[in-house]
Amino acid sequence: MVDIAAVFGLLGSITAASLFFPQVWASYKTKQTHDLSWFLIIVGMLNGFFWVVYGLFRADPFIYITNIVLFIGAFLLMLLKRIYG
């Protein structure tokens, strides 16, 4: 029997984790980041960090693994903004 809650949790995790990567790819390809907001990037990193800590306290891999990936995406975007912005 398929656990429908786990399926939705997995789908939510995948979509949340991939949130920043399309912008990371576009910024890398175009070498342009001047239109990106530092505020958005910093809030994205803080969001990922806080959720990772929460997920670790709850021992919930859906939460902490998803947000480790999300944090990495925001961090890469910050690096690209610093390099190209």
Protein backbone atom coordinates (compact mmCIF):
# COMPACT_ATOMS: atom_id res chain seq x y z
CA MET A 1 0.00 0.00 0.00
CA VAL A 2 1.30 3.41 -0.95
CA ASP A 3 1.52 5.98 1.85
CA ILE A 4 -0.05 8.99 0.12
CA ALA A 5 1.26 11.38 2.80
CA ALA A 6 4.82 10.19 2.12
CA VAL A 7 4.32 10.67 -1.64
CA PHE A 8 3.15 14.25 -1.10
CA GLY A 9 5.97 14.83 1.37
CA LEU A 10 8.50 13.60 -1.16
CA LEU A 11 7.01 15.73 -3.96
CA GLY A 12 6.98 18.77 -1.68
CA SER A 13 10.58 18.11 -0.70
CA ILE A 14 11.71 17.82 -4.31
CA THR A 15 9.98 21.01 -5.40
CA ALA A 16 11.20 22.98 -2.37
CA ALA A 17 14.76 21.70 -2.72
CA SER A 18 14.87 22.70 -6.39
CA LEU A 19 13.53 26.20 -5.76
CA PHE A 20 16.77 28.13 -6.37
CA PHE A 21 18.43 25.91 -8.97
CA PRO A 22 16.72 27.25 -12.11
CA GLN A 23 17.93 30.74 -11.15
CA VAL A 24 21.40 29.41 -10.31
CA TRP A 25 21.60 27.82 -13.76
CA ALA A 26 20.31 30.94 -15.56
CA SER A 27 22.72 33.18 -13.63
CA TYR A 28 25.63 30.88 -14.39
CA LYS A 29 24.82 30.69 -18.11
CA THR A 30 24.19 34.43 -18.60
CA LYS A 31 26.78 35.67 -16.08
CA GLN A 32 24.21 38.29 -15.04
CA THR A 33 22.87 38.68 -11.52
CA HIS A 34 22.35 42.42 -11.18
CA ASP A 35 18.55 42.00 -11.06
CA LEU A 36 18.69 39.52 -8.17
CA SER A 37 17.86 40.81 -4.72
CA TRP A 38 20.41 40.31 -1.95
CA PHE A 39 17.48 40.30 0.47
CA LEU A 40 15.86 37.34 -1.32
CA ILE A 41 19.10 35.39 -1.30
CA ILE A 42 19.79 36.05 2.39
CA VAL A 43 16.22 35.23 3.41
CA GLY A 44 16.44 32.01 1.36
CA MET A 45 19.63 31.01 3.14
CA LEU A 46 18.21 31.83 6.56
CA ASN A 47 15.04 29.92 5.73
CA GLY A 48 17.05 26.85 4.76
CA PHE A 49 19.26 27.10 7.84
CA PHE A 50 16.36 27.45 10.28
CA TRP A 51 14.47 24.53 8.71
CA VAL A 52 17.59 22.35 8.80
CA VAL A 53 17.99 23.00 12.51
CA TYR A 54 14.29 22.35 13.10
CA GLY A 55 14.44 19.15 11.03
CA LEU A 56 17.44 17.92 12.99
CA PHE A 57 15.65 18.58 16.30
CA ARG A 58 12.63 16.68 15.00
CA ALA A 59 14.84 13.97 13.43
CA ASP A 60 12.83 14.35 10.22
CA PRO A 61 14.91 13.72 7.08
CA PHE A 62 12.15 15.12 4.83
CA ILE A 63 12.73 18.46 6.50
CA TYR A 64 16.48 18.60 6.99
CA ILE A 65 17.64 16.99 3.73
CA THR A 66 15.27 19.13 1.68
CA ASN A 67 16.50 22.28 3.34
CA ILE A 68 20.17 21.38 3.13
CA VAL A 69 19.68 21.21 -0.64
CA LEU A 70 17.66 24.45 -0.60
CA PHE A 71 20.41 26.16 1.43
CA ILE A 72 23.04 24.98 -1.06
CA GLY A 73 21.00 26.47 -3.92
CA ALA A 74 20.67 29.81 -2.13
CA PHE A 75 24.37 29.73 -1.24
CA LEU A 76 25.34 29.10 -4.86
CA LEU A 77 23.12 31.97 -5.91
CA MET A 78 24.89 34.19 -3.35
CA LEU A 79 28.27 33.19 -4.77
CA LEU A 80 27.15 33.94 -8.31
CA LYS A 81 25.72 37.29 -7.21
CA ARG A 82 29.03 38.13 -5.57
CA ILE A 83 31.02 37.09 -8.65
CA TYR A 84 28.81 38.54 -11.41
CA GLY A 85 26.68 41.11 -9.58
